[in-house]
N, C-alpha and C. Protein backbone atom coordinates (compact mmCIF):
# COMPACT_ATOMS: atom_id res chain seq x y z
N MET A 1 52.40 23.69 -99.79
CA MET A 1 51.75 23.16 -100.81
C MET A 1 50.71 24.02 -101.51
N SER A 2 50.68 24.04 -102.76
CA SER A 2 50.12 25.27 -103.74
C SER A 2 48.14 24.16 -104.22
N ARG A 3 47.41 25.19 -104.12
CA ARG A 3 46.48 24.65 -104.64
C ARG A 3 45.48 25.47 -105.43
N ILE A 4 44.60 24.83 -106.55
CA ILE A 4 43.75 25.84 -106.99
C ILE A 4 43.26 26.46 -106.18
N ARG A 5 42.79 27.93 -106.44
CA ARG A 5 41.83 28.85 -105.55
C ARG A 5 40.63 29.33 -106.76
N ALA A 6 40.95 29.24 -107.75
CA ALA A 6 39.78 29.73 -108.55
C ALA A 6 40.20 29.44 -110.14
N ILE A 7 39.18 28.76 -110.72
CA ILE A 7 39.03 28.40 -112.05
C ILE A 7 38.45 29.42 -112.97
N CYS A 8 38.81 30.04 -114.09
CA CYS A 8 37.90 30.91 -114.85
C CYS A 8 38.16 31.12 -115.90
N ILE A 9 36.95 31.17 -116.91
CA ILE A 9 37.28 31.01 -118.37
C ILE A 9 35.97 32.39 -118.42
N SER A 10 36.06 32.47 -119.95
CA SER A 10 35.30 33.45 -120.78
C SER A 10 35.06 32.72 -122.18
N GLU A 11 33.77 33.03 -122.33
CA GLU A 11 33.34 32.23 -123.63
C GLU A 11 33.98 33.20 -125.05
N GLN A 12 33.75 34.27 -124.86
CA GLN A 12 33.98 35.33 -125.57
C GLN A 12 35.42 35.92 -125.33
N LYS A 13 36.46 36.41 -126.44
CA LYS A 13 37.50 37.21 -126.29
C LYS A 13 37.14 38.82 -125.75
N GLY A 14 37.80 39.35 -124.79
CA GLY A 14 37.53 40.56 -124.63
C GLY A 14 36.18 40.97 -123.46
N THR A 15 35.95 39.54 -122.84
CA THR A 15 34.91 39.75 -121.71
C THR A 15 35.62 39.42 -120.73
N ALA A 16 35.01 39.76 -119.42
CA ALA A 16 35.49 38.94 -118.03
C ALA A 16 35.30 37.87 -118.50
N LYS A 17 36.54 36.91 -117.41
CA LYS A 17 36.09 35.39 -116.99
C LYS A 17 35.32 35.33 -115.86
N HIS A 18 34.49 34.38 -115.81
CA HIS A 18 33.98 34.02 -114.33
C HIS A 18 34.44 32.70 -114.09
N GLU A 19 34.09 32.24 -112.81
CA GLU A 19 34.50 31.32 -112.07
C GLU A 19 33.58 30.04 -112.22
N ILE A 20 34.43 28.79 -112.24
CA ILE A 20 33.79 27.91 -112.31
C ILE A 20 34.12 26.53 -111.13
N ASP A 21 33.93 25.54 -111.10
CA ASP A 21 34.11 24.78 -110.10
C ASP A 21 35.13 23.56 -110.63
N GLU A 22 34.97 23.28 -111.77
CA GLU A 22 36.18 22.08 -112.54
C GLU A 22 36.52 22.78 -114.16
N ALA A 23 36.94 22.30 -114.62
CA ALA A 23 37.22 22.19 -116.10
C ALA A 23 37.91 21.39 -116.64
N THR A 24 37.94 20.85 -117.77
CA THR A 24 38.70 20.24 -118.65
C THR A 24 39.41 20.78 -119.34
N LEU A 25 41.09 20.10 -119.21
CA LEU A 25 42.20 20.63 -120.06
C LEU A 25 42.03 19.52 -121.36
N LYS A 26 42.40 20.08 -122.14
CA LYS A 26 42.76 19.42 -123.49
C LYS A 26 44.24 19.40 -123.99
N GLU A 27 44.59 18.44 -124.48
CA GLU A 27 46.32 18.66 -124.77
C GLU A 27 46.12 19.34 -125.98
N ASP A 28 47.14 19.93 -126.21
CA ASP A 28 47.41 21.15 -127.17
C ASP A 28 46.39 22.04 -127.56
N TRP A 29 45.56 22.55 -126.31
CA TRP A 29 44.49 23.24 -126.83
C TRP A 29 44.21 23.93 -125.81
N GLY A 30 43.89 23.49 -124.58
CA GLY A 30 43.67 24.64 -123.33
C GLY A 30 42.86 24.14 -122.85
N ILE A 31 41.58 25.10 -121.82
CA ILE A 31 40.49 25.02 -121.32
C ILE A 31 39.27 24.73 -122.30
N ILE A 32 38.72 23.69 -122.26
CA ILE A 32 37.29 23.44 -123.19
C ILE A 32 36.46 24.65 -122.86
N GLY A 33 35.94 25.06 -123.69
CA GLY A 33 34.84 26.34 -123.28
C GLY A 33 35.64 27.79 -123.16
N ASP A 34 36.62 27.91 -123.14
CA ASP A 34 37.57 29.29 -122.85
C ASP A 34 37.81 29.80 -124.31
N ALA A 35 37.63 30.99 -124.20
CA ALA A 35 37.79 31.78 -125.57
C ALA A 35 39.06 31.66 -126.14
N HIS A 36 40.27 31.66 -125.09
CA HIS A 36 41.57 31.74 -125.47
C HIS A 36 42.31 30.58 -125.53
N ALA A 37 41.48 29.70 -125.44
CA ALA A 37 42.23 28.34 -125.80
C ALA A 37 42.52 27.93 -127.25
N GLY A 38 43.18 27.16 -127.77
CA GLY A 38 43.47 27.20 -128.74
C GLY A 38 45.28 26.52 -129.53
N ASN A 39 45.41 26.39 -130.76
CA ASN A 39 46.44 25.81 -130.81
C ASN A 39 47.64 26.97 -131.02
N TRP A 40 48.05 27.39 -129.85
CA TRP A 40 49.11 28.04 -129.75
C TRP A 40 49.83 28.06 -128.18
N HIS A 41 50.86 29.02 -128.12
CA HIS A 41 51.74 28.90 -127.01
C HIS A 41 50.87 29.34 -125.29
N ARG A 42 49.57 30.13 -125.35
CA ARG A 42 49.18 30.80 -124.24
C ARG A 42 47.60 30.51 -124.02
N GLN A 43 47.77 28.90 -123.88
CA GLN A 43 46.43 28.05 -123.45
C GLN A 43 45.82 28.28 -122.76
N VAL A 44 46.79 28.20 -121.41
CA VAL A 44 46.22 28.41 -120.05
C VAL A 44 46.82 29.75 -119.40
N SER A 45 45.95 30.53 -118.68
CA SER A 45 47.02 31.75 -117.71
C SER A 45 46.82 31.30 -116.29
N PHE A 46 47.84 32.04 -115.83
CA PHE A 46 47.85 31.75 -114.17
C PHE A 46 47.92 32.88 -113.72
N LEU A 47 47.61 33.17 -112.46
CA LEU A 47 48.13 34.37 -111.52
C LEU A 47 48.19 33.71 -110.07
N GLY A 48 49.19 34.07 -109.30
CA GLY A 48 49.12 33.90 -107.50
C GLY A 48 48.07 34.55 -107.09
N LEU A 49 47.69 33.71 -106.17
CA LEU A 49 46.55 34.37 -105.08
C LEU A 49 47.26 35.75 -104.32
N GLU A 50 48.22 35.29 -104.00
CA GLU A 50 49.12 36.52 -103.31
C GLU A 50 49.28 37.87 -103.82
N GLU A 51 49.51 37.57 -105.28
CA GLU A 51 49.78 38.84 -106.03
C GLU A 51 48.28 39.79 -106.25
N ILE A 52 47.35 38.61 -106.30
CA ILE A 52 45.97 39.33 -106.57
C ILE A 52 45.73 40.18 -105.16
N GLU A 53 45.76 39.41 -104.06
CA GLU A 53 45.53 39.77 -102.80
C GLU A 53 46.21 41.25 -102.52
N ALA A 54 47.46 41.14 -102.71
CA ALA A 54 48.22 42.18 -103.02
C ALA A 54 47.67 43.77 -103.65
N PHE A 55 47.15 43.45 -104.60
CA PHE A 55 46.12 44.33 -105.44
C PHE A 55 44.90 44.80 -104.96
N ARG A 56 44.19 43.78 -104.45
CA ARG A 56 43.16 44.09 -103.26
C ARG A 56 43.39 44.81 -102.53
N ARG A 57 44.33 45.11 -101.44
CA ARG A 57 44.96 46.04 -100.54
C ARG A 57 45.30 47.32 -101.01
N LYS A 58 45.07 47.34 -102.08
CA LYS A 58 45.43 48.99 -102.69
C LYS A 58 43.51 49.73 -102.77
N GLY A 59 43.01 48.68 -102.65
CA GLY A 59 41.36 49.39 -102.05
C GLY A 59 40.51 48.66 -103.28
N VAL A 60 41.26 48.26 -104.54
CA VAL A 60 40.12 47.65 -105.37
C VAL A 60 39.87 46.34 -105.17
N ASP A 61 38.35 46.08 -105.03
CA ASP A 61 37.94 44.66 -105.01
C ASP A 61 37.41 44.08 -106.49
N VAL A 62 38.34 43.23 -106.53
CA VAL A 62 38.40 42.87 -107.82
C VAL A 62 38.01 40.93 -107.87
N ALA A 63 37.06 40.70 -108.83
CA ALA A 63 36.88 39.30 -108.38
C ALA A 63 38.06 38.61 -108.97
N PHE A 64 38.11 37.00 -108.71
CA PHE A 64 39.08 36.02 -109.71
C PHE A 64 38.10 36.19 -111.17
N GLY A 65 39.63 36.24 -111.97
CA GLY A 65 38.95 36.35 -113.32
C GLY A 65 39.32 37.83 -113.95
N ALA A 66 39.02 38.75 -113.46
CA ALA A 66 39.12 40.06 -113.67
C ALA A 66 40.37 40.31 -114.46
N PHE A 67 41.40 39.91 -114.12
CA PHE A 67 42.67 40.03 -115.12
C PHE A 67 42.82 39.28 -115.93
N GLY A 68 41.96 38.42 -116.52
CA GLY A 68 42.07 37.54 -117.46
C GLY A 68 42.60 36.15 -117.12
N GLU A 69 42.92 35.73 -116.02
CA GLU A 69 43.77 34.53 -115.56
C GLU A 69 42.72 33.52 -115.75
N ASN A 70 42.98 32.18 -116.06
CA ASN A 70 42.37 31.36 -115.88
C ASN A 70 42.45 30.47 -114.33
N LEU A 71 43.55 30.15 -114.10
CA LEU A 71 43.90 29.50 -112.82
C LEU A 71 44.70 30.53 -111.85
N VAL A 72 43.96 30.68 -110.52
CA VAL A 72 44.60 31.06 -109.27
C VAL A 72 45.31 30.07 -108.78
N VAL A 73 46.21 30.20 -108.05
CA VAL A 73 47.04 29.43 -107.49
C VAL A 73 47.71 30.06 -106.31
N ASP A 74 47.48 29.39 -105.16
CA ASP A 74 48.21 30.01 -103.93
C ASP A 74 49.43 29.46 -103.80
N GLY A 75 50.25 30.00 -102.82
CA GLY A 75 51.58 29.64 -102.35
C GLY A 75 52.37 29.52 -103.64
N ILE A 76 52.48 30.26 -104.33
CA ILE A 76 53.60 30.64 -105.80
C ILE A 76 53.78 31.45 -106.31
N ARG A 77 54.80 31.91 -106.50
CA ARG A 77 54.78 33.42 -107.35
C ARG A 77 55.48 32.86 -108.84
N PHE A 78 54.56 32.93 -109.50
CA PHE A 78 54.72 32.43 -110.73
C PHE A 78 55.78 32.83 -111.95
N ARG A 79 55.96 34.40 -111.78
CA ARG A 79 56.94 35.31 -112.62
C ARG A 79 58.38 34.77 -111.85
N ASP A 80 58.73 33.93 -111.11
CA ASP A 80 60.06 33.25 -110.62
C ASP A 80 60.16 32.13 -111.15
N LEU A 81 59.21 31.49 -111.71
CA LEU A 81 59.48 30.14 -112.85
C LEU A 81 59.86 30.19 -113.74
N PRO A 82 61.09 29.48 -114.20
CA PRO A 82 61.73 29.56 -115.70
C PRO A 82 60.50 29.02 -116.62
N VAL A 83 60.62 29.52 -117.69
CA VAL A 83 59.86 28.97 -119.01
C VAL A 83 60.80 27.46 -119.03
N GLY A 84 59.41 26.67 -119.36
CA GLY A 84 60.02 25.17 -119.56
C GLY A 84 59.50 24.71 -118.37
N THR A 85 59.02 25.39 -116.84
CA THR A 85 58.31 24.65 -116.01
C THR A 85 57.56 23.71 -116.23
N GLN A 86 57.60 22.61 -115.57
CA GLN A 86 56.32 21.73 -116.15
C GLN A 86 55.17 22.00 -114.41
N ILE A 87 54.17 22.14 -114.88
CA ILE A 87 52.99 22.05 -113.95
C ILE A 87 51.96 20.88 -113.89
N PHE A 88 52.10 20.41 -112.73
CA PHE A 88 50.97 19.37 -112.79
C PHE A 88 50.16 19.65 -111.47
N ILE A 89 48.82 19.09 -112.16
CA ILE A 89 47.28 19.42 -111.29
C ILE A 89 46.64 18.11 -111.99
N GLY A 90 46.51 17.14 -110.69
CA GLY A 90 45.90 16.09 -110.71
C GLY A 90 46.45 15.10 -111.71
N ASP A 91 45.82 14.53 -112.89
CA ASP A 91 46.84 13.91 -114.02
C ASP A 91 46.88 14.58 -114.85
N THR A 92 46.72 16.12 -114.88
CA THR A 92 47.29 17.04 -116.23
C THR A 92 48.67 17.34 -115.88
N GLU A 93 49.20 17.89 -117.31
CA GLU A 93 50.63 18.75 -117.13
C GLU A 93 50.34 19.47 -118.29
N LEU A 94 51.26 20.56 -117.74
CA LEU A 94 51.08 21.91 -118.54
C LEU A 94 53.07 22.15 -118.55
N THR A 95 53.03 22.81 -119.51
CA THR A 95 54.48 23.41 -119.65
C THR A 95 54.52 25.10 -119.73
N LEU A 96 55.05 25.45 -119.05
CA LEU A 96 55.32 27.13 -118.83
C LEU A 96 55.89 27.56 -120.07
N THR A 97 54.97 28.48 -120.87
CA THR A 97 55.68 28.89 -122.31
C THR A 97 55.99 30.28 -122.22
N GLN A 98 55.30 30.97 -121.37
CA GLN A 98 55.52 32.60 -121.52
C GLN A 98 55.20 33.14 -120.04
N ILE A 99 56.23 34.19 -119.80
CA ILE A 99 56.06 34.80 -118.35
C ILE A 99 56.02 36.43 -118.62
N GLY A 100 54.62 36.89 -118.53
CA GLY A 100 54.32 37.99 -118.47
C GLY A 100 53.89 38.49 -120.03
N LYS A 101 53.16 39.36 -120.21
CA LYS A 101 52.78 39.77 -121.67
C LYS A 101 52.58 41.14 -121.99
N GLU A 102 52.83 41.73 -123.05
CA GLU A 102 52.58 42.68 -123.40
C GLU A 102 51.16 43.18 -123.20
N CYS A 103 50.80 44.40 -123.07
CA CYS A 103 49.18 44.81 -123.29
C CYS A 103 49.29 45.69 -124.18
N HIS A 104 48.48 45.25 -125.30
CA HIS A 104 47.89 46.42 -126.40
C HIS A 104 46.91 47.24 -126.29
N SER A 105 46.27 46.23 -125.50
CA SER A 105 45.02 47.21 -124.93
C SER A 105 44.47 47.50 -123.59
N HIS A 106 44.64 48.65 -122.74
CA HIS A 106 44.46 48.21 -121.43
C HIS A 106 42.78 47.71 -121.48
N CYS A 107 42.98 46.60 -120.33
CA CYS A 107 41.70 46.21 -119.74
C CYS A 107 40.68 47.45 -118.81
N ALA A 108 39.97 46.66 -118.55
CA ALA A 108 38.76 47.25 -117.74
C ALA A 108 39.46 47.62 -116.25
N ILE A 109 40.01 46.54 -115.65
CA ILE A 109 40.87 46.83 -114.37
C ILE A 109 41.67 48.29 -114.72
N TYR A 110 42.69 48.15 -115.61
CA TYR A 110 43.53 49.16 -115.79
C TYR A 110 42.84 50.71 -115.97
N GLU A 111 41.67 50.63 -116.83
CA GLU A 111 41.04 51.85 -117.18
C GLU A 111 40.19 52.02 -115.61
N GLN A 112 39.91 51.30 -114.63
CA GLN A 112 39.36 51.68 -113.87
C GLN A 112 40.38 52.10 -112.78
N VAL A 113 41.93 51.55 -112.43
CA VAL A 113 42.40 52.22 -111.38
C VAL A 113 44.28 52.60 -112.18
N GLY A 114 44.11 52.37 -113.11
CA GLY A 114 45.50 52.77 -113.87
C GLY A 114 46.62 51.60 -113.71
N ASP A 115 46.06 50.35 -113.43
CA ASP A 115 46.91 49.36 -113.31
C ASP A 115 46.48 47.94 -113.41
N CYS A 116 47.48 47.11 -114.07
CA CYS A 116 46.86 45.69 -113.99
C CYS A 116 47.80 44.76 -113.61
N ILE A 117 47.87 43.80 -112.94
CA ILE A 117 48.80 42.95 -112.74
C ILE A 117 49.37 41.70 -113.78
N MET A 118 48.23 41.64 -114.75
CA MET A 118 48.64 40.38 -115.25
C MET A 118 49.71 40.29 -116.39
N PRO A 119 50.04 41.69 -116.96
CA PRO A 119 51.35 41.58 -117.91
C PRO A 119 52.70 41.64 -117.10
N ARG A 120 52.77 42.00 -115.89
CA ARG A 120 54.19 41.37 -115.04
C ARG A 120 54.07 40.29 -114.21
N GLU A 121 53.02 39.96 -113.66
CA GLU A 121 53.06 38.60 -112.85
C GLU A 121 52.02 37.29 -113.50
N GLY A 122 51.46 37.66 -114.45
CA GLY A 122 50.72 36.36 -115.05
C GLY A 122 51.63 35.51 -115.93
N VAL A 123 51.50 34.22 -116.12
CA VAL A 123 52.41 33.52 -116.86
C VAL A 123 51.36 32.71 -117.70
N PHE A 124 52.05 31.89 -118.86
CA PHE A 124 51.27 31.14 -119.60
C PHE A 124 51.47 29.62 -119.81
N ALA A 125 50.56 28.80 -120.11
CA ALA A 125 51.35 27.43 -120.34
C ALA A 125 50.53 26.80 -121.39
N LYS A 126 51.07 25.98 -121.92
CA LYS A 126 50.61 25.08 -123.00
C LYS A 126 49.86 23.62 -122.16
N VAL A 127 48.77 22.97 -122.69
CA VAL A 127 48.51 21.74 -121.98
C VAL A 127 49.24 20.87 -122.87
N THR A 128 50.15 19.90 -122.03
CA THR A 128 50.68 18.55 -122.70
C THR A 128 50.09 17.26 -122.52
N LYS A 129 49.08 17.43 -121.14
CA LYS A 129 48.61 16.06 -120.97
C LYS A 129 47.29 16.56 -120.07
N GLY A 130 45.78 16.08 -121.13
CA GLY A 130 44.27 16.36 -120.69
C GLY A 130 44.10 16.17 -119.33
N GLY A 131 43.15 16.55 -119.16
CA GLY A 131 42.37 15.74 -118.04
C GLY A 131 41.35 17.12 -117.14
N VAL A 132 40.82 16.54 -116.06
CA VAL A 132 39.60 17.49 -115.53
C VAL A 132 40.35 18.11 -114.22
N ILE A 133 40.41 19.09 -113.76
CA ILE A 133 41.12 19.94 -113.08
C ILE A 133 39.86 20.73 -112.23
N ARG A 134 39.84 20.68 -110.80
CA ARG A 134 39.15 21.15 -109.84
C ARG A 134 39.42 21.97 -109.00
N LYS A 135 38.59 22.78 -108.49
CA LYS A 135 39.07 24.07 -107.51
C LYS A 135 39.82 23.36 -106.31
N GLY A 136 40.38 23.95 -105.85
CA GLY A 136 41.04 22.77 -104.19
C GLY A 136 42.20 21.76 -104.84
N ASP A 137 42.14 21.16 -106.04
CA ASP A 137 43.34 20.57 -106.28
C ASP A 137 44.59 20.72 -106.08
N GLN A 138 45.71 20.01 -105.66
CA GLN A 138 47.03 20.63 -105.51
C GLN A 138 47.77 20.75 -106.60
N VAL A 139 48.87 21.42 -106.53
CA VAL A 139 49.65 21.92 -108.23
C VAL A 139 50.81 21.45 -107.77
N SER A 140 51.67 21.16 -108.36
CA SER A 140 52.83 20.71 -108.08
C SER A 140 53.85 21.20 -109.41
N PHE A 141 55.32 21.57 -109.21
CA PHE A 141 56.17 22.26 -109.86
C PHE A 141 57.55 21.21 -110.27
N LYS A 142 58.09 21.04 -111.57
CA LYS A 142 58.93 20.43 -111.68
C LYS A 142 60.18 21.44 -112.51
N LEU A 143 61.18 21.83 -112.27
CA LEU A 143 61.84 22.87 -112.90
C LEU A 143 62.62 22.31 -114.04
N PRO A 144 62.94 23.21 -115.27
CA PRO A 144 63.57 22.36 -116.11
C PRO A 144 64.90 22.12 -115.75
N VAL A 145 65.57 21.07 -116.54
CA VAL A 145 66.91 21.10 -116.33
C VAL A 145 67.77 21.83 -116.90
N ARG A 146 68.61 22.49 -116.40
CA ARG A 146 69.35 23.29 -117.43
C ARG A 146 71.00 22.94 -117.20
């Protein structure tokens, strides 16, 4: 069973995200209060806890949100999910829209250690049904019909 381990936001683009205990997801927008929310396909970003822990084992002590991720979830390898996967957290629903991303300018983590996992491990989703999510909430998935 997958659960949210961290919820992270930043009020301005280009700054590190910080943890919060709960967030409101707004349909077709993203997380209220996060600078990356908006009417586009990358409203909410996800990283797996296991990928962050593997990065930490390289000797780098990174906080949740350091890679720019909004939600850290345990028990799932996000990059293995296909685009179109539905993600359910409480009463909210999101649709996976993008796997990975091009890194146009290197983040602080990359500058520090020469690597960042977000471009290859992170995924992005659009909010299709809003609501409140909390740290510890269960996360479930429905794969798209092919």
